[in-house]
Amino acid sequence: MEIKFQTKEESNREQRDAFLRLAPEDRFYAFLDLCENLKRFPVNSTNKAPADNFIVEIKTHG
């Protein structure tokens, strides 16, 4: 484990640069992972049922 002391701006720049170094298809999959992880992020919401009207299904060949 590595501990780094840096400013928020430095951290954001480092994360952005690492993301942009990814291949375009890896960037897309990282974006989809982020979207999926946001579903588990705690939020203050009303007790409405989630709208399952947008589903992305990725099928692998092979």
Protein backbone atom coordinates (compact mmCIF):
# COMPACT_ATOMS: atom_id res chain seq x y z
CA MET A 1 0.00 0.00 0.00
CA GLU A 2 1.27 3.43 -0.90
CA ILE A 3 0.47 6.61 1.02
CA LYS A 4 0.73 9.89 -0.89
CA PHE A 5 0.27 13.42 0.38
CA GLN A 6 -1.02 15.68 -2.37
CA THR A 7 -3.57 18.37 -2.99
CA LYS A 8 -7.04 17.64 -4.30
CA GLU A 9 -6.10 19.24 -7.62
CA GLU A 10 -3.02 17.03 -7.95
CA SER A 11 -5.04 13.95 -7.09
CA ASN A 12 -7.76 14.83 -9.62
CA ARG A 13 -5.16 15.51 -12.32
CA GLU A 14 -3.43 12.19 -11.63
CA GLN A 15 -6.74 10.28 -11.80
CA ARG A 16 -7.74 12.05 -15.04
CA ASP A 17 -4.37 11.37 -16.66
CA ALA A 18 -4.50 7.69 -15.67
CA PHE A 19 -8.01 7.44 -17.13
CA LEU A 20 -6.98 9.11 -20.39
CA ARG A 21 -4.01 6.75 -20.78
CA LEU A 22 -6.45 3.84 -21.05
CA ALA A 23 -7.38 2.48 -24.47
CA PRO A 24 -10.75 3.83 -25.68
CA GLU A 25 -12.56 0.52 -25.11
CA ASP A 26 -11.09 0.25 -21.60
CA ARG A 27 -12.25 3.81 -20.90
CA PHE A 28 -15.77 2.83 -21.95
CA TYR A 29 -15.76 -0.21 -19.67
CA ALA A 30 -14.38 1.88 -16.79
CA PHE A 31 -17.26 4.31 -17.36
CA LEU A 32 -19.78 1.46 -17.24
CA ASP A 33 -18.20 0.17 -14.03
CA LEU A 34 -18.51 3.64 -12.53
CA CYS A 35 -22.18 3.79 -13.50
CA GLU A 36 -22.78 0.39 -11.89
CA ASN A 37 -20.94 1.39 -8.71
CA LEU A 38 -22.98 4.59 -8.39
CA LYS A 39 -26.07 2.45 -7.84
CA ARG A 40 -24.59 1.36 -4.51
CA PHE A 41 -23.61 4.89 -3.44
CA PRO A 42 -25.69 6.06 -0.46
CA VAL A 43 -28.09 8.88 -1.30
CA ASN A 44 -30.98 10.61 0.37
CA SER A 45 -33.95 9.63 -1.74
CA THR A 46 -37.65 9.13 -1.56
CA ASN A 47 -39.07 5.63 -1.43
CA LYS A 48 -39.81 5.48 -5.15
CA ALA A 49 -39.20 2.22 -6.96
CA PRO A 50 -36.12 2.34 -9.22
CA ALA A 51 -36.79 2.77 -12.92
CA ASP A 52 -35.31 -0.22 -14.72
CA ASN A 53 -35.85 1.23 -18.15
CA PHE A 54 -32.20 1.44 -19.23
CA ILE A 55 -30.24 -1.81 -19.28
CA VAL A 56 -26.91 -2.31 -21.05
CA GLU A 57 -26.09 -5.96 -21.67
CA ILE A 58 -22.54 -6.83 -22.72
CA LYS A 59 -22.09 -10.24 -24.26
CA THR A 60 -18.60 -11.58 -24.84
CA HIS A 61 -17.71 -13.67 -27.84
CA GLY A 62 -15.58 -16.70 -27.22
